[in-house]
C-alpha cells in the first residue's frame, strides 16, 4: 500500500510541475495546436494552444513508478517486475508514435501528422513486441505477464489461443484502445479526467487481485495474475500523472496532451487489460472511450449506407457541442459517465468474486 501511495504522490508532483515548464517552452517556440477546419467553430479559439503535454504524463508515470520502487528498497518492498515494465514500455512506445505525429503537425503547421498507415505501423509494431514478450518471463509458479486464455474478469480456462491468435488479439486491443482514447481527447480535460477515473478503478482491482493472489494465499476465487501489486503501482502512477496534468488541461486548457499522451494512455489500458486478465471487464470500466470510438464507427457506417449522418458530428462529444451544450457541460457530464462506468466495473468485478467464493 505504501508503494502505491508513494507512486501517486511522486507522479502527481512531477506531472503538475513539468506541465507548466512545457507550456512556457512551447509558447516561447510558438509550437501550438492546429485545429480541424470542419470542427466546431468554438474550437478555433484554441488554435495555437501548446500541445504535446503528454510528455508530462509519461514522465510522471515513469517517475512515480521508479521513484516508489527506490523508496521501497528501504523497507524491503518488491522490486520492478516484468508486468509493470512491459505495460509502461507499451505505453511509452505508443507515446513515441504520438510524439512523431504531433511533431509533424507542428513542423508542417497542419492538423495532419503521420498518415494512417504510418500510425498503424507504429501501433502494430509496439503491440507485436509487447505480445511476444508478455508470454515470456515466467515467475516461480510459471505465470507469465500475459495469458493465452481469453478473459472477462479472470481467465476463461476453456478458451485458449494459439500464439498467433493471441498476437492478433493483442494487436486489436492496442489499436482499439489507443485510438479510442485518442478520439476522446477532443475537449479540454475530457481524456485526462476520464483516464484518472478509469485508472483509479484499476488501482482497486489490481490491489484486490494482490490481496487475493493464488501465489500468496491459495483459496477458492484467488487470482492468477503475475504481478498485481506492481500493476497497482503502475495504475496509481499513471492516474496521478493524469490528475496533475488535468490541473493545467482543464477548461480553458493551457496545454493539450496531443497524440503523445492519448496514444500512450490508450496503450496503457490495453496493456493493463491483458496483464490483469480482464480484457472484457476493461470494456465496462472504460465504457466512455468505447462509446466515443463506437460513435465514429457508427457515423461512418450510417453515412456510407444511407448518405446521412447519424450524429451532427462524430465523435459524440462534438454532437452535444453542436446541440449548444457548453464545452464544460459536455466534459462534466462525460466525466460522470466515466465515473459511473468505473463504478459499474468495480461492482461487476467484486460481484464475480463473491459468486466464485460463494
Protein backbone atom coordinates (compact mmCIF):
# COMPACT_ATOMS: atom_id res chain seq x y z
CA UNK A 1 0.00 0.00 0.00
CA UNK A 2 2.84 2.41 0.81
CA UNK A 3 4.36 1.89 -2.63
CA UNK A 4 1.04 2.77 -4.25
CA UNK A 5 0.77 5.99 -2.24
CA UNK A 6 4.40 6.96 -2.92
CA UNK A 7 3.90 6.31 -6.65
CA UNK A 8 0.81 8.51 -6.76
CA UNK A 9 2.43 11.38 -4.84
CA UNK A 10 5.61 11.37 -6.93
CA UNK A 11 3.74 11.12 -10.24
CA UNK A 12 1.38 13.94 -9.24
CA UNK A 13 4.27 16.18 -8.20
CA UNK A 14 6.25 15.55 -11.38
CA UNK A 15 3.29 15.95 -13.72
CA UNK A 16 1.96 19.14 -12.13
CA UNK A 17 5.49 20.61 -12.13
CA UNK A 18 6.68 19.56 -15.59
CA UNK A 19 3.49 20.62 -17.40
CA UNK A 20 3.92 24.41 -16.85
CA UNK A 21 7.54 24.06 -17.97
CA UNK A 22 6.29 22.58 -21.23
CA UNK A 23 3.70 25.36 -21.54
CA UNK A 24 6.40 28.04 -21.28
CA UNK A 25 8.78 26.18 -23.61
CA UNK A 26 6.22 25.57 -26.36
CA UNK A 27 4.77 29.08 -26.05
CA UNK A 28 8.26 30.55 -26.44
CA UNK A 29 8.87 28.36 -29.52
CA UNK A 30 5.40 29.17 -30.90
CA UNK A 31 4.53 25.49 -31.07
CA UNK A 32 0.75 25.36 -30.93
CA UNK A 33 -2.07 23.03 -31.86
CA UNK A 34 -3.67 23.23 -35.29
CA UNK A 35 -7.48 22.87 -35.32
CA UNK A 36 -9.71 20.85 -37.67
CA UNK A 37 -11.41 23.24 -40.09
CA UNK A 38 -14.56 21.10 -40.05
CA UNK A 39 -14.67 21.06 -36.25
CA UNK A 40 -16.97 23.17 -34.05
CA UNK A 41 -16.44 26.90 -34.59
CA UNK A 42 -15.85 27.42 -30.87
CA UNK A 43 -12.66 25.34 -31.13
CA UNK A 44 -10.96 27.81 -33.47
CA UNK A 45 -10.09 29.97 -30.47
CA UNK A 46 -7.87 27.09 -29.30
CA UNK A 47 -5.56 27.35 -32.29
CA UNK A 48 -2.03 27.90 -31.03
CA UNK A 49 -2.57 26.25 -27.64
CA UNK A 50 0.66 24.41 -26.67
CA UNK A 51 0.43 20.69 -27.33
CA UNK A 52 2.44 17.51 -26.67
CA UNK A 53 1.58 17.80 -22.97
CA UNK A 54 1.52 14.01 -22.90
CA UNK A 55 5.27 14.25 -22.32
CA UNK A 56 4.49 15.34 -18.75
CA UNK A 57 2.09 12.42 -18.26
CA UNK A 58 4.61 9.84 -19.48
CA UNK A 59 7.35 11.47 -17.38
CA UNK A 60 5.07 11.46 -14.34
CA UNK A 61 4.10 7.82 -14.64
CA UNK A 62 7.71 6.68 -15.01
CA UNK A 63 8.87 8.92 -12.16
CA UNK A 64 6.13 7.63 -9.87
CA UNK A 65 6.82 4.01 -10.75
CA UNK A 66 10.61 4.13 -10.43
CA UNK A 67 10.59 6.55 -7.50
CA UNK A 68 8.25 4.39 -5.45
CA UNK A 69 10.49 1.38 -6.05
CA UNK A 70 13.60 3.30 -5.00
CA UNK A 71 11.87 4.33 -1.77
CA UNK A 72 10.60 0.78 -1.34
CA UNK A 73 14.15 -0.55 -1.24
CA UNK A 74 14.46 0.93 2.25
CA UNK A 75 11.80 -1.35 3.71
CA UNK A 76 12.33 -4.41 1.55
CA UNK A 77 9.44 -3.90 -0.86
CA UNK A 78 9.41 -5.99 -4.07
CA UNK A 79 11.38 -4.56 -6.98
CA UNK A 80 10.28 -3.77 -10.51
CA UNK A 81 8.56 -6.60 -12.37
CA UNK A 82 8.19 -7.82 -15.93
CA UNK A 83 4.47 -6.96 -15.96
CA UNK A 84 4.97 -3.37 -14.80
CA UNK A 85 7.84 -2.70 -17.19
CA UNK A 86 6.01 -4.25 -20.14
CA UNK A 87 2.87 -2.16 -19.60
CA UNK A 88 4.87 1.05 -19.18
CA UNK A 89 7.05 0.10 -22.14
CA UNK A 90 3.98 -0.36 -24.34
CA UNK A 91 2.58 2.99 -23.23
CA UNK A 92 5.89 4.71 -23.89
CA UNK A 93 6.30 3.13 -27.34
CA UNK A 94 2.86 4.38 -28.35
CA UNK A 95 3.72 7.75 -26.81
CA UNK A 96 6.69 7.90 -29.20
CA UNK A 97 4.35 7.20 -32.13
CA UNK A 98 2.10 10.00 -30.89
CA UNK A 99 5.09 12.32 -30.43
CA UNK A 100 6.09 11.81 -34.07
CA UNK A 101 2.52 12.57 -35.12
CA UNK A 102 2.42 15.75 -33.02
CA UNK A 103 5.88 16.83 -34.17
CA UNK A 104 4.94 16.55 -37.85
CA UNK A 105 1.78 18.58 -37.21
CA UNK A 106 3.79 21.33 -35.55
CA UNK A 107 6.65 21.25 -38.05
CA UNK A 108 4.37 21.43 -41.09
CA UNK A 109 1.80 23.71 -39.41
CA UNK A 110 -1.15 21.48 -40.27
CA UNK A 111 -3.69 19.30 -38.47
CA UNK A 112 -2.49 16.14 -40.25
CA UNK A 113 0.56 14.44 -38.79
CA UNK A 114 1.53 10.84 -39.51
CA UNK A 115 -0.52 9.24 -42.24
CA UNK A 116 -2.86 6.48 -41.10
CA UNK A 117 -0.52 3.82 -42.49
CA UNK A 118 2.46 5.14 -40.56
CA UNK A 119 0.47 5.37 -37.32
CA UNK A 120 -0.84 1.80 -37.69
CA UNK A 121 2.67 0.51 -38.38
CA UNK A 122 3.85 2.06 -35.11
CA UNK A 123 0.87 0.77 -33.13
CA UNK A 124 1.10 -2.76 -34.53
CA UNK A 125 4.87 -2.91 -34.11
CA UNK A 126 4.58 -1.98 -30.44
CA UNK A 127 1.70 -4.44 -29.98
CA UNK A 128 3.59 -7.37 -31.51
CA UNK A 129 6.69 -6.76 -29.38
CA UNK A 130 4.53 -6.48 -26.27
CA UNK A 131 2.55 -9.62 -27.17
CA UNK A 132 5.67 -11.71 -27.74
CA UNK A 133 7.29 -10.57 -24.50
CA UNK A 134 4.06 -10.93 -22.50
CA UNK A 135 4.20 -14.72 -22.93
CA UNK A 136 7.75 -14.85 -21.61
CA UNK A 137 9.30 -14.16 -18.18
CA UNK A 138 7.53 -16.86 -16.13
CA UNK A 139 7.76 -16.44 -12.36
CA UNK A 140 8.47 -19.19 -9.83
CA UNK A 141 4.94 -20.58 -10.33
CA UNK A 142 5.11 -20.48 -14.13
CA UNK A 143 2.87 -17.41 -14.56
CA UNK A 144 3.74 -15.03 -17.40
CA UNK A 145 2.56 -11.39 -17.68
CA UNK A 146 0.12 -12.32 -20.42
CA UNK A 147 -2.10 -15.35 -20.86
CA UNK A 148 -3.23 -17.17 -23.98
CA UNK A 149 -6.66 -17.60 -22.39
CA UNK A 150 -9.39 -15.07 -23.12
CA UNK A 151 -10.53 -13.18 -20.03
CA UNK A 152 -13.64 -11.47 -18.71
CA UNK A 153 -12.88 -10.87 -15.04
CA UNK A 154 -10.35 -13.70 -14.97
CA UNK A 155 -9.08 -16.27 -17.49
CA UNK A 156 -11.64 -18.50 -19.17
CA UNK A 157 -9.92 -21.86 -18.95
CA UNK A 158 -11.93 -23.35 -21.81
CA UNK A 159 -10.98 -20.63 -24.34
CA UNK A 160 -7.30 -20.64 -25.22
CA UNK A 161 -5.49 -19.09 -28.18
CA UNK A 162 -2.53 -20.37 -30.11
CA UNK A 163 0.32 -17.80 -30.04
CA UNK A 164 -0.56 -16.30 -33.44
CA UNK A 165 -4.18 -15.69 -32.43
CA UNK A 166 -3.01 -14.25 -29.12
CA UNK A 167 -0.83 -11.75 -31.02
CA UNK A 168 -3.80 -10.82 -33.21
CA UNK A 169 -5.88 -10.20 -30.07
CA UNK A 170 -3.11 -8.03 -28.62
CA UNK A 171 -2.86 -6.04 -31.87
CA UNK A 172 -6.61 -5.48 -31.90
CA UNK A 173 -6.69 -4.33 -28.27
CA UNK A 174 -3.72 -1.98 -28.65
CA UNK A 175 -5.06 -0.34 -31.82
CA UNK A 176 -8.62 -0.16 -30.46
CA UNK A 177 -7.79 1.31 -27.05
CA UNK A 178 -5.13 3.75 -28.28
CA UNK A 179 -7.47 5.11 -30.95
CA UNK A 180 -10.41 5.21 -28.51
CA UNK A 181 -8.52 7.44 -26.06
CA UNK A 182 -7.12 9.48 -28.95
CA UNK A 183 -10.64 10.17 -30.25
CA UNK A 184 -11.89 11.05 -26.76
CA UNK A 185 -9.21 13.72 -26.41
CA UNK A 186 -11.25 16.40 -28.13
CA UNK A 187 -12.38 18.64 -25.27
CA UNK A 188 -10.43 20.40 -22.53
CA UNK A 189 -9.83 17.96 -19.70
CA UNK A 190 -12.08 15.20 -21.06
CA UNK A 191 -9.49 12.47 -21.69
CA UNK A 192 -7.28 13.31 -18.68
CA UNK A 193 -10.18 13.37 -16.22
CA UNK A 194 -11.77 10.22 -17.60
CA UNK A 195 -8.45 8.37 -17.53
CA UNK A 196 -7.96 9.39 -13.91
CA UNK A 197 -11.29 7.75 -13.01
CA UNK A 198 -10.63 4.62 -15.05
CA UNK A 199 -7.15 4.12 -13.63
CA UNK A 200 -8.43 4.81 -10.13
CA UNK A 201 -10.82 1.87 -10.53
CA UNK A 202 -7.94 -0.30 -11.71
CA UNK A 203 -5.85 0.60 -8.66
CA UNK A 204 -8.59 -1.03 -6.57
CA UNK A 205 -8.94 -4.00 -8.94
CA UNK A 206 -5.22 -4.78 -9.03
CA UNK A 207 -4.80 -4.29 -5.29
CA UNK A 208 -7.68 -6.70 -4.67
CA UNK A 209 -6.01 -9.20 -7.00
CA UNK A 210 -2.82 -8.80 -4.96
CA UNK A 211 -4.52 -9.39 -1.60
CA UNK A 212 -6.25 -12.46 -3.05
CA UNK A 213 -3.46 -13.80 -5.26
CA UNK A 214 -3.08 -17.56 -5.54
CA UNK A 215 0.69 -17.19 -5.10
CA UNK A 216 0.30 -15.75 -1.59
CA UNK A 217 -3.00 -17.22 -0.36
CA UNK A 218 -4.43 -20.05 -2.41
CA UNK A 219 -8.19 -20.33 -1.92
CA UNK A 220 -11.38 -20.53 -3.93
CA UNK A 221 -11.59 -17.45 -6.12
CA UNK A 222 -7.90 -16.47 -5.88
CA UNK A 223 -6.38 -14.65 -8.86
CA UNK A 224 -3.73 -15.99 -11.23
CA UNK A 225 -2.07 -12.68 -12.10
CA UNK A 226 1.71 -12.46 -12.23
CA UNK A 227 2.43 -9.08 -10.60
CA UNK A 228 -0.80 -7.47 -9.35
CA UNK A 229 0.85 -5.21 -6.76
CA UNK A 230 3.26 -3.76 -9.30
CA UNK A 231 0.39 -3.21 -11.72
CA UNK A 232 -1.40 -1.29 -8.94
CA UNK A 233 1.71 0.91 -8.69
CA UNK A 234 1.57 1.48 -12.46
CA UNK A 235 -2.12 2.43 -12.28
CA UNK A 236 -1.54 4.80 -9.37
CA UNK A 237 1.39 6.46 -11.15
CA UNK A 238 -0.49 6.93 -14.42
CA UNK A 239 -3.72 8.04 -12.75
CA UNK A 240 -1.95 10.62 -10.59
CA UNK A 241 0.04 11.86 -13.61
CA UNK A 242 -3.27 12.44 -15.42
CA UNK A 243 -4.65 14.37 -12.45
CA UNK A 244 -1.52 16.54 -12.28
CA UNK A 245 -1.81 17.27 -15.99
CA UNK A 246 -5.54 17.98 -15.62
CA UNK A 247 -4.68 20.93 -13.35
CA UNK A 248 -3.39 22.71 -16.46
CA UNK A 249 -5.56 20.97 -19.06
CA UNK A 250 -8.98 21.77 -17.53
CA UNK A 251 -11.02 24.38 -19.40
CA UNK A 252 -9.74 26.73 -20.60
CA UNK A 253 -6.79 24.44 -21.34
CA UNK A 254 -3.33 25.96 -21.19
CA UNK A 255 -1.90 22.86 -22.88
CA UNK A 256 -3.22 19.84 -24.80
CA UNK A 257 -1.92 16.31 -24.28
CA UNK A 258 -1.86 15.63 -28.02
CA UNK A 259 -1.34 12.20 -29.54
CA UNK A 260 1.76 11.86 -27.36
CA UNK A 261 -0.48 11.48 -24.32
CA UNK A 262 -3.63 9.94 -25.77
CA UNK A 263 -1.89 7.09 -27.62
CA UNK A 264 0.30 6.37 -24.58
CA UNK A 265 -2.72 6.23 -22.26
CA UNK A 266 -4.67 4.04 -24.67
CA UNK A 267 -1.73 1.65 -24.85
CA UNK A 268 -1.64 1.63 -21.05
CA UNK A 269 -5.29 0.48 -20.91
CA UNK A 270 -4.64 -2.24 -23.46
CA UNK A 271 -1.58 -3.48 -21.58
CA UNK A 272 -3.41 -3.45 -18.25
CA UNK A 273 -6.37 -5.39 -19.63
CA UNK A 274 -4.01 -8.14 -20.83
CA UNK A 275 -1.72 -8.36 -17.80
CA UNK A 276 -4.61 -8.27 -15.29
CA UNK A 277 -6.60 -10.90 -17.25
CA UNK A 278 -9.58 -8.52 -17.62
CA UNK A 279 -9.90 -7.82 -21.35
CA UNK A 280 -13.70 -7.67 -21.32
CA UNK A 281 -14.01 -6.04 -17.89
CA UNK A 282 -11.94 -3.14 -19.25
CA UNK A 283 -14.70 -2.51 -21.81
CA UNK A 284 -17.10 -1.82 -18.92
CA UNK A 285 -14.66 0.18 -16.78
CA UNK A 286 -13.61 2.27 -19.81
CA UNK A 287 -17.06 2.38 -21.40
CA UNK A 288 -16.79 6.10 -22.18
CA UNK A 289 -13.83 5.53 -24.50
CA UNK A 290 -15.67 2.63 -26.16
CA UNK A 291 -18.72 4.83 -26.72
CA UNK A 292 -16.59 7.54 -28.30
CA UNK A 293 -14.91 5.27 -30.84
CA UNK A 294 -18.18 3.42 -31.50
CA UNK A 295 -19.85 6.74 -32.33
CA UNK A 296 -17.24 7.33 -35.05
CA UNK A 297 -17.70 3.83 -36.48
CA UNK A 298 -21.49 4.23 -36.40
CA UNK A 299 -21.28 7.61 -38.12
CA UNK A 300 -19.15 6.15 -40.90
CA UNK A 301 -21.36 3.07 -41.35
CA UNK A 302 -24.61 5.06 -41.49
CA UNK A 303 -23.20 7.70 -43.83
CA UNK A 304 -21.82 5.13 -46.26
CA UNK A 305 -25.05 3.14 -46.36
CA UNK A 306 -27.65 5.95 -46.31
CA UNK A 307 -25.74 9.10 -47.21
CA UNK A 308 -26.99 10.72 -44.00
CA UNK A 309 -25.27 11.42 -40.69
CA UNK A 310 -26.41 9.70 -37.51
CA UNK A 311 -24.78 12.36 -35.29
CA UNK A 312 -24.39 16.06 -36.01
CA UNK A 313 -20.66 15.37 -35.80
CA UNK A 314 -18.56 12.47 -34.55
CA UNK A 315 -17.12 11.65 -32.08
CA UNK A 316 -20.21 12.00 -29.94
CA UNK A 317 -18.90 14.80 -27.69
CA UNK A 318 -18.98 17.11 -30.75
CA UNK A 319 -22.62 16.08 -31.34
CA UNK A 320 -23.57 17.61 -28.00
CA UNK A 321 -21.42 20.68 -28.60
CA UNK A 322 -23.29 21.35 -31.83
CA UNK A 323 -26.50 20.91 -29.82
CA UNK A 324 -25.45 24.09 -27.97
CA UNK A 325 -24.15 22.41 -24.83
CA UNK A 326 -21.25 24.44 -23.37
CA UNK A 327 -17.95 22.59 -23.59
CA UNK A 328 -17.60 22.48 -19.82
CA UNK A 329 -21.07 20.91 -19.52
CA UNK A 330 -20.19 18.18 -22.03
CA UNK A 331 -16.92 17.47 -20.24
CA UNK A 332 -18.51 17.35 -16.77
CA UNK A 333 -21.31 15.03 -17.86
CA UNK A 334 -18.92 12.75 -19.70
CA UNK A 335 -16.80 12.61 -16.54
CA UNK A 336 -19.96 11.44 -14.75
CA UNK A 337 -20.40 8.73 -17.39
CA UNK A 338 -16.76 7.70 -16.87
CA UNK A 339 -17.30 7.59 -13.09
CA UNK A 340 -20.48 5.50 -13.45
CA UNK A 341 -18.80 3.04 -15.81
CA UNK A 342 -15.79 2.74 -13.49
CA UNK A 343 -18.13 2.07 -10.53
CA UNK A 344 -20.11 -0.46 -12.58
CA UNK A 345 -16.87 -2.23 -13.49
CA UNK A 346 -15.85 -2.39 -9.84
CA UNK A 347 -19.24 -3.83 -8.89
CA UNK A 348 -19.01 -6.42 -11.66
CA UNK A 349 -15.50 -7.36 -10.56
CA UNK A 350 -16.43 -7.70 -6.90
CA UNK A 351 -19.72 -9.43 -7.71
CA UNK A 352 -17.90 -12.07 -9.72
CA UNK A 353 -15.52 -12.59 -6.80
CA UNK A 354 -18.43 -13.11 -4.42
CA UNK A 355 -20.08 -15.53 -6.86
CA UNK A 356 -16.92 -17.63 -7.18
CA UNK A 357 -16.34 -17.76 -3.43
CA UNK A 358 -20.00 -18.45 -2.71
